[in-house]
Amino acid sequence: MHEITVVRTTDTGHRVVGHEGKCKFLHGHTYEFEITLRSDELVGPGFVMDFGGVKDHIDLWDHRLLIWTEDPFLWEAEGVRDPHPWGIYLVPFNPTAENMAQHLAETFYEEENIDYVSAIVRETESTAAEYVMP
């Protein structure tokens, strides 16, 4: 079994829909993502997955504001017809650390040669969420 790990840091904003505390407001974190992938089979020139491909996927969220497609903020933000020029990245989940970890794990697990994924999302130095597949 082959294993790779990529650790990447981004500055990413979000808000948690339904949160009763201060996280209901737009805010940001310096997130640390740790992605571990395992495979019995190597692809291409001998990769579990190209490190650059893993980094590129995580970097989609760097210096972006993650907004859930069901967030009422989208309907209240007048004039935001196309969110991308504003740095808004629409996601199909409420952007909690737990949901971010699950989304990343599921994305990487879709690769046909990947047998195991661990996605850890560190929101602060003392808080983290992990999602493991299978």
N, C-alpha and C. Protein backbone atom coordinates (compact mmCIF):
# COMPACT_ATOMS: atom_id res chain seq x y z
N MET A 1 0.85 -1.18 0.00
CA MET A 1 0.00 0.00 0.00
C MET A 1 0.90 1.24 0.00
N HIS A 2 0.61 2.15 -0.92
CA HIS A 2 1.31 3.43 -1.01
C HIS A 2 0.49 4.51 -0.32
N GLU A 3 1.16 5.49 0.27
CA GLU A 3 0.46 6.56 0.97
C GLU A 3 1.17 7.88 0.74
N ILE A 4 0.38 8.92 0.48
CA ILE A 4 0.91 10.28 0.41
C ILE A 4 0.12 11.16 1.37
N THR A 5 0.76 12.22 1.84
CA THR A 5 0.09 13.23 2.66
C THR A 5 0.49 14.60 2.15
N VAL A 6 -0.51 15.45 2.01
CA VAL A 6 -0.31 16.83 1.61
C VAL A 6 -0.89 17.72 2.70
N VAL A 7 -0.10 18.66 3.18
CA VAL A 7 -0.57 19.65 4.16
C VAL A 7 -0.53 21.00 3.46
N ARG A 8 -1.64 21.70 3.53
CA ARG A 8 -1.77 22.98 2.81
C ARG A 8 -2.52 23.96 3.70
N THR A 9 -2.12 25.22 3.65
CA THR A 9 -2.76 26.28 4.43
C THR A 9 -3.44 27.26 3.49
N THR A 10 -4.67 27.67 3.85
CA THR A 10 -5.38 28.70 3.08
C THR A 10 -5.97 29.72 4.04
N ASP A 11 -6.24 30.88 3.51
CA ASP A 11 -7.03 31.89 4.21
C ASP A 11 -8.40 31.90 3.53
N THR A 12 -9.41 31.49 4.29
CA THR A 12 -10.73 31.26 3.71
C THR A 12 -11.81 31.81 4.64
N GLY A 13 -12.80 32.47 4.06
CA GLY A 13 -13.92 32.97 4.82
C GLY A 13 -15.13 32.07 4.68
N HIS A 14 -16.05 32.20 5.63
CA HIS A 14 -17.30 31.45 5.58
C HIS A 14 -18.26 32.02 6.61
N ARG A 15 -19.44 31.44 6.67
CA ARG A 15 -20.36 31.66 7.77
C ARG A 15 -21.13 30.37 7.92
N VAL A 16 -21.61 30.09 9.12
CA VAL A 16 -22.31 28.83 9.38
C VAL A 16 -23.79 29.14 9.53
N VAL A 17 -24.56 28.72 8.54
CA VAL A 17 -26.01 28.93 8.55
C VAL A 17 -26.61 28.13 9.69
N GLY A 18 -27.46 28.78 10.49
CA GLY A 18 -28.12 28.10 11.59
C GLY A 18 -27.36 28.15 12.90
N HIS A 19 -26.15 28.69 12.89
CA HIS A 19 -25.37 28.79 14.12
C HIS A 19 -25.99 29.86 15.02
N GLU A 20 -26.05 29.59 16.30
CA GLU A 20 -26.64 30.54 17.24
C GLU A 20 -25.64 31.58 17.73
N GLY A 21 -24.35 31.32 17.59
CA GLY A 21 -23.33 32.23 18.10
C GLY A 21 -22.74 33.10 17.01
N LYS A 22 -21.53 33.60 17.26
CA LYS A 22 -20.90 34.55 16.36
C LYS A 22 -20.52 33.98 15.00
N CYS A 23 -20.49 32.66 14.87
CA CYS A 23 -20.13 32.05 13.58
C CYS A 23 -21.23 32.18 12.53
N LYS A 24 -22.38 32.74 12.92
CA LYS A 24 -23.43 33.00 11.93
C LYS A 24 -23.06 34.19 11.05
N PHE A 25 -22.06 34.97 11.48
CA PHE A 25 -21.62 36.13 10.72
C PHE A 25 -20.47 35.74 9.78
N LEU A 26 -20.30 36.51 8.73
CA LEU A 26 -19.17 36.30 7.83
C LEU A 26 -17.88 36.52 8.61
N HIS A 27 -16.97 35.56 8.48
CA HIS A 27 -15.67 35.65 9.16
C HIS A 27 -14.72 34.70 8.44
N GLY A 28 -13.48 34.67 8.87
CA GLY A 28 -12.51 33.81 8.19
C GLY A 28 -11.53 33.16 9.14
N HIS A 29 -10.79 32.21 8.59
CA HIS A 29 -9.79 31.46 9.34
C HIS A 29 -8.58 31.23 8.44
N THR A 30 -7.45 30.98 9.06
CA THR A 30 -6.32 30.41 8.35
C THR A 30 -6.43 28.90 8.58
N TYR A 31 -7.00 28.23 7.60
CA TYR A 31 -7.23 26.79 7.68
C TYR A 31 -5.96 26.03 7.33
N GLU A 32 -5.80 24.88 7.96
CA GLU A 32 -4.78 23.93 7.55
C GLU A 32 -5.49 22.66 7.15
N PHE A 33 -5.21 22.20 5.94
CA PHE A 33 -5.79 20.98 5.41
C PHE A 33 -4.71 19.91 5.35
N GLU A 34 -5.03 18.74 5.85
CA GLU A 34 -4.10 17.61 5.77
C GLU A 34 -4.85 16.47 5.09
N ILE A 35 -4.39 16.14 3.89
CA ILE A 35 -5.03 15.11 3.09
C ILE A 35 -4.08 13.92 2.97
N THR A 36 -4.55 12.74 3.37
CA THR A 36 -3.78 11.52 3.23
C THR A 36 -4.53 10.59 2.28
N LEU A 37 -3.81 10.08 1.28
CA LEU A 37 -4.39 9.19 0.28
C LEU A 37 -3.58 7.90 0.24
N ARG A 38 -4.28 6.78 0.15
CA ARG A 38 -3.62 5.48 0.02
C ARG A 38 -4.13 4.77 -1.23
N SER A 39 -3.22 3.99 -1.82
CA SER A 39 -3.59 3.24 -3.01
C SER A 39 -2.66 2.04 -3.16
N ASP A 40 -3.22 0.94 -3.64
CA ASP A 40 -2.40 -0.21 -4.01
C ASP A 40 -1.79 -0.01 -5.39
N GLU A 41 -2.45 0.81 -6.21
CA GLU A 41 -2.01 1.01 -7.59
C GLU A 41 -1.50 2.43 -7.79
N LEU A 42 -0.35 2.55 -8.43
CA LEU A 42 0.18 3.86 -8.79
C LEU A 42 -0.28 4.21 -10.20
N VAL A 43 -0.46 5.50 -10.46
CA VAL A 43 -0.90 5.95 -11.77
C VAL A 43 0.16 6.86 -12.36
N GLY A 44 0.04 7.08 -13.69
CA GLY A 44 0.99 7.96 -14.37
C GLY A 44 2.41 7.48 -14.21
N PRO A 45 3.32 8.39 -13.89
CA PRO A 45 4.72 8.00 -13.77
C PRO A 45 5.05 7.30 -12.45
N GLY A 46 4.03 7.00 -11.64
CA GLY A 46 4.27 6.32 -10.37
C GLY A 46 3.75 7.11 -9.18
N PHE A 47 2.52 7.66 -9.30
CA PHE A 47 1.91 8.47 -8.26
C PHE A 47 0.72 7.75 -7.64
N VAL A 48 0.50 7.98 -6.34
CA VAL A 48 -0.83 7.73 -5.77
C VAL A 48 -1.74 8.77 -6.38
N MET A 49 -1.34 10.04 -6.28
CA MET A 49 -1.94 11.16 -6.99
C MET A 49 -0.87 12.23 -7.03
N ASP A 50 -0.82 12.99 -8.09
CA ASP A 50 0.15 14.07 -8.21
C ASP A 50 -0.06 15.06 -7.06
N PHE A 51 0.99 15.37 -6.30
CA PHE A 51 0.89 16.33 -5.21
C PHE A 51 0.27 17.64 -5.69
N GLY A 52 0.65 18.06 -6.89
CA GLY A 52 0.13 19.31 -7.44
C GLY A 52 -1.37 19.28 -7.61
N GLY A 53 -1.93 18.14 -8.00
CA GLY A 53 -3.38 18.02 -8.15
C GLY A 53 -4.10 18.15 -6.82
N VAL A 54 -3.53 17.58 -5.78
CA VAL A 54 -4.12 17.69 -4.44
C VAL A 54 -4.08 19.16 -4.01
N LYS A 55 -2.92 19.79 -4.17
CA LYS A 55 -2.78 21.20 -3.79
C LYS A 55 -3.72 22.09 -4.58
N ASP A 56 -3.85 21.84 -5.88
CA ASP A 56 -4.71 22.67 -6.72
C ASP A 56 -6.16 22.63 -6.24
N HIS A 57 -6.61 21.45 -5.83
CA HIS A 57 -8.01 21.34 -5.37
C HIS A 57 -8.22 22.14 -4.08
N ILE A 58 -7.29 22.04 -3.16
CA ILE A 58 -7.40 22.79 -1.90
C ILE A 58 -7.31 24.28 -2.17
N ASP A 59 -6.44 24.67 -3.09
CA ASP A 59 -6.23 26.09 -3.39
C ASP A 59 -7.45 26.77 -4.00
N LEU A 60 -8.43 25.99 -4.47
CA LEU A 60 -9.67 26.60 -4.97
C LEU A 60 -10.35 27.43 -3.89
N TRP A 61 -10.11 27.11 -2.62
CA TRP A 61 -10.73 27.80 -1.50
C TRP A 61 -9.86 28.90 -0.91
N ASP A 62 -8.63 29.05 -1.40
CA ASP A 62 -7.73 30.04 -0.82
C ASP A 62 -8.17 31.45 -1.20
N HIS A 63 -8.23 32.32 -0.20
CA HIS A 63 -8.67 33.71 -0.37
C HIS A 63 -10.04 33.79 -1.03
N ARG A 64 -10.92 32.89 -0.62
CA ARG A 64 -12.30 32.87 -1.10
C ARG A 64 -13.24 32.87 0.09
N LEU A 65 -14.48 33.20 -0.19
CA LEU A 65 -15.55 33.15 0.79
C LEU A 65 -16.44 31.99 0.41
N LEU A 66 -16.48 30.94 1.25
CA LEU A 66 -17.32 29.78 0.97
C LEU A 66 -18.74 30.08 1.44
N ILE A 67 -19.66 30.02 0.50
CA ILE A 67 -21.06 30.26 0.81
C ILE A 67 -21.87 29.07 0.31
N TRP A 68 -22.66 28.51 1.19
CA TRP A 68 -23.56 27.39 0.87
C TRP A 68 -24.59 27.87 -0.14
N THR A 69 -24.88 27.06 -1.11
CA THR A 69 -25.86 27.43 -2.15
C THR A 69 -27.25 27.67 -1.57
N GLU A 70 -27.53 27.15 -0.37
CA GLU A 70 -28.83 27.36 0.28
C GLU A 70 -28.82 28.51 1.29
N ASP A 71 -27.72 29.24 1.38
CA ASP A 71 -27.58 30.32 2.36
C ASP A 71 -28.49 31.49 1.96
N PRO A 72 -29.36 31.96 2.88
CA PRO A 72 -30.21 33.11 2.56
C PRO A 72 -29.41 34.37 2.25
N PHE A 73 -28.15 34.42 2.65
CA PHE A 73 -27.28 35.55 2.33
C PHE A 73 -27.26 35.83 0.82
N LEU A 74 -27.30 34.76 0.03
CA LEU A 74 -27.24 34.92 -1.43
C LEU A 74 -28.42 35.72 -1.94
N TRP A 75 -29.57 35.53 -1.33
CA TRP A 75 -30.77 36.22 -1.79
C TRP A 75 -30.85 37.63 -1.23
N GLU A 76 -30.14 37.89 -0.15
CA GLU A 76 -30.16 39.21 0.47
C GLU A 76 -29.05 40.12 -0.06
N ALA A 77 -28.05 39.55 -0.69
CA ALA A 77 -26.91 40.33 -1.20
C ALA A 77 -27.27 40.88 -2.58
N GLU A 78 -27.92 42.04 -2.60
CA GLU A 78 -28.36 42.64 -3.86
C GLU A 78 -27.18 42.93 -4.77
N GLY A 79 -27.37 42.68 -6.04
CA GLY A 79 -26.34 43.00 -7.02
C GLY A 79 -25.31 41.91 -7.23
N VAL A 80 -25.32 40.87 -6.43
CA VAL A 80 -24.35 39.79 -6.60
C VAL A 80 -24.96 38.74 -7.53
N ARG A 81 -24.88 38.99 -8.81
CA ARG A 81 -25.44 38.07 -9.80
C ARG A 81 -24.47 36.93 -10.09
N ASP A 82 -23.19 37.29 -10.23
CA ASP A 82 -22.14 36.30 -10.48
C ASP A 82 -21.17 36.39 -9.31
N PRO A 83 -21.17 35.38 -8.43
CA PRO A 83 -20.36 35.49 -7.20
C PRO A 83 -18.85 35.39 -7.41
N HIS A 84 -18.39 34.84 -8.51
CA HIS A 84 -16.96 34.58 -8.66
C HIS A 84 -16.08 35.83 -8.69
N PRO A 85 -16.46 36.92 -9.37
CA PRO A 85 -15.60 38.10 -9.33
C PRO A 85 -15.45 38.69 -7.92
N TRP A 86 -16.37 38.37 -7.04
CA TRP A 86 -16.32 38.85 -5.67
C TRP A 86 -15.50 37.93 -4.78
N GLY A 87 -15.03 36.83 -5.33
CA GLY A 87 -14.27 35.87 -4.53
C GLY A 87 -15.15 34.92 -3.75
N ILE A 88 -16.42 34.83 -4.13
CA ILE A 88 -17.34 33.91 -3.46
C ILE A 88 -17.30 32.57 -4.17
N TYR A 89 -17.09 31.52 -3.41
CA TYR A 89 -17.05 30.16 -3.95
C TYR A 89 -18.27 29.42 -3.39
N LEU A 90 -19.23 29.11 -4.25
CA LEU A 90 -20.45 28.45 -3.82
C LEU A 90 -20.18 26.96 -3.60
N VAL A 91 -20.64 26.46 -2.47
CA VAL A 91 -20.44 25.05 -2.13
C VAL A 91 -21.79 24.40 -1.83
N PRO A 92 -21.92 23.09 -2.07
CA PRO A 92 -23.20 22.41 -1.87
C PRO A 92 -23.42 21.92 -0.44
N PHE A 93 -22.80 22.59 0.52
CA PHE A 93 -22.92 22.17 1.92
C PHE A 93 -22.73 23.39 2.81
N ASN A 94 -23.27 23.32 4.03
CA ASN A 94 -23.04 24.36 5.02
C ASN A 94 -21.57 24.29 5.41
N PRO A 95 -20.77 25.35 5.21
CA PRO A 95 -19.32 25.23 5.32
C PRO A 95 -18.78 25.17 6.76
N THR A 96 -19.15 24.11 7.46
CA THR A 96 -18.52 23.81 8.73
C THR A 96 -17.24 23.02 8.45
N ALA A 97 -16.34 22.95 9.41
CA ALA A 97 -15.10 22.18 9.22
C ALA A 97 -15.43 20.71 8.94
N GLU A 98 -16.46 20.19 9.61
CA GLU A 98 -16.85 18.79 9.39
C GLU A 98 -17.31 18.55 7.95
N ASN A 99 -18.15 19.46 7.43
CA ASN A 99 -18.63 19.30 6.06
C ASN A 99 -17.53 19.55 5.04
N MET A 100 -16.62 20.46 5.35
CA MET A 100 -15.49 20.70 4.44
C MET A 100 -14.62 19.44 4.35
N ALA A 101 -14.35 18.81 5.49
CA ALA A 101 -13.54 17.58 5.50
C ALA A 101 -14.23 16.48 4.71
N GLN A 102 -15.54 16.32 4.90
CA GLN A 102 -16.28 15.28 4.17
C GLN A 102 -16.25 15.55 2.67
N HIS A 103 -16.46 16.78 2.27
CA HIS A 103 -16.44 17.13 0.85
C HIS A 103 -15.08 16.81 0.22
N LEU A 104 -14.01 17.20 0.89
CA LEU A 104 -12.68 16.92 0.35
C LEU A 104 -12.42 15.42 0.27
N ALA A 105 -12.77 14.68 1.32
CA ALA A 105 -12.57 13.23 1.31
C ALA A 105 -13.33 12.58 0.16
N GLU A 106 -14.58 12.95 -0.01
CA GLU A 106 -15.39 12.37 -1.09
C GLU A 106 -14.82 12.73 -2.46
N THR A 107 -14.32 13.94 -2.61
CA THR A 107 -13.74 14.37 -3.89
C THR A 107 -12.53 13.52 -4.26
N PHE A 108 -11.63 13.34 -3.31
CA PHE A 108 -10.42 12.56 -3.60
C PHE A 108 -10.72 11.07 -3.71
N TYR A 109 -11.70 10.58 -2.98
CA TYR A 109 -12.04 9.15 -3.02
C TYR A 109 -12.64 8.75 -4.37
N GLU A 110 -13.14 9.72 -5.11
CA GLU A 110 -13.71 9.44 -6.43
C GLU A 110 -12.66 8.99 -7.44
N GLU A 111 -11.39 9.28 -7.18
CA GLU A 111 -10.33 8.82 -8.09
C GLU A 111 -10.30 7.30 -8.05
N GLU A 112 -10.25 6.66 -9.21
CA GLU A 112 -10.43 5.21 -9.26
C GLU A 112 -9.36 4.40 -8.56
N ASN A 113 -8.16 4.93 -8.38
CA ASN A 113 -7.11 4.15 -7.74
C ASN A 113 -7.02 4.39 -6.23
N ILE A 114 -7.80 5.31 -5.68
CA ILE A 114 -7.70 5.67 -4.27
C ILE A 114 -8.53 4.71 -3.42
N ASP A 115 -7.87 4.08 -2.43
CA ASP A 115 -8.53 3.11 -1.56
C ASP A 115 -8.88 3.68 -0.19
N TYR A 116 -8.25 4.78 0.18
CA TYR A 116 -8.42 5.36 1.52
C TYR A 116 -8.13 6.84 1.45
N VAL A 117 -8.95 7.62 2.17
CA VAL A 117 -8.71 9.06 2.27
C VAL A 117 -8.95 9.48 3.72
N SER A 118 -8.06 10.29 4.23
CA SER A 118 -8.29 11.00 5.49
C SER A 118 -8.16 12.48 5.17
N ALA A 119 -9.21 13.24 5.46
CA ALA A 119 -9.18 14.68 5.26
C ALA A 119 -9.37 15.36 6.61
N ILE A 120 -8.34 16.08 7.04
CA ILE A 120 -8.39 16.81 8.30
C ILE A 120 -8.43 18.29 7.98
N VAL A 121 -9.37 18.99 8.59
CA VAL A 121 -9.50 20.43 8.44
C VAL A 121 -9.28 21.05 9.81
N ARG A 122 -8.19 21.80 9.93
CA ARG A 122 -7.88 22.50 11.17
C ARG A 122 -8.35 23.95 11.02
N GLU A 123 -9.33 24.31 11.83
CA GLU A 123 -9.89 25.66 11.75
C GLU A 123 -9.08 26.63 12.61
N THR A 124 -8.56 26.14 13.72
CA THR A 124 -7.69 26.92 14.59
C THR A 124 -6.60 25.97 15.08
N GLU A 125 -5.68 26.47 15.87
CA GLU A 125 -4.62 25.62 16.42
C GLU A 125 -5.16 24.52 17.32
N SER A 126 -6.35 24.75 17.89
CA SER A 126 -6.87 23.78 18.86
C SER A 126 -8.15 23.10 18.42
N THR A 127 -8.58 23.30 17.16
CA THR A 127 -9.81 22.65 16.70
C THR A 127 -9.59 22.04 15.32
N ALA A 128 -10.14 20.84 15.14
CA ALA A 128 -10.01 20.15 13.85
C ALA A 128 -11.18 19.21 13.66
N ALA A 129 -11.46 18.92 12.39
CA ALA A 129 -12.46 17.93 12.02
C ALA A 129 -11.81 16.98 11.03
N GLU A 130 -12.16 15.70 11.11
CA GLU A 130 -11.60 14.69 10.22
C GLU A 130 -12.72 13.85 9.64
N TYR A 131 -12.58 13.50 8.36
CA TYR A 131 -13.50 12.58 7.69
C TYR A 131 -12.64 11.54 6.99
N VAL A 132 -12.98 10.27 7.19
CA VAL A 132 -12.18 9.16 6.65
C VAL A 132 -13.07 8.31 5.76
N MET A 133 -12.52 7.90 4.62
CA MET A 133 -13.20 6.97 3.71
C MET A 133 -12.24 5.85 3.37
N PRO A 134 -12.58 4.64 3.26
CA PRO A 134 -13.91 4.10 3.56
C PRO A 134 -14.11 3.95 5.05
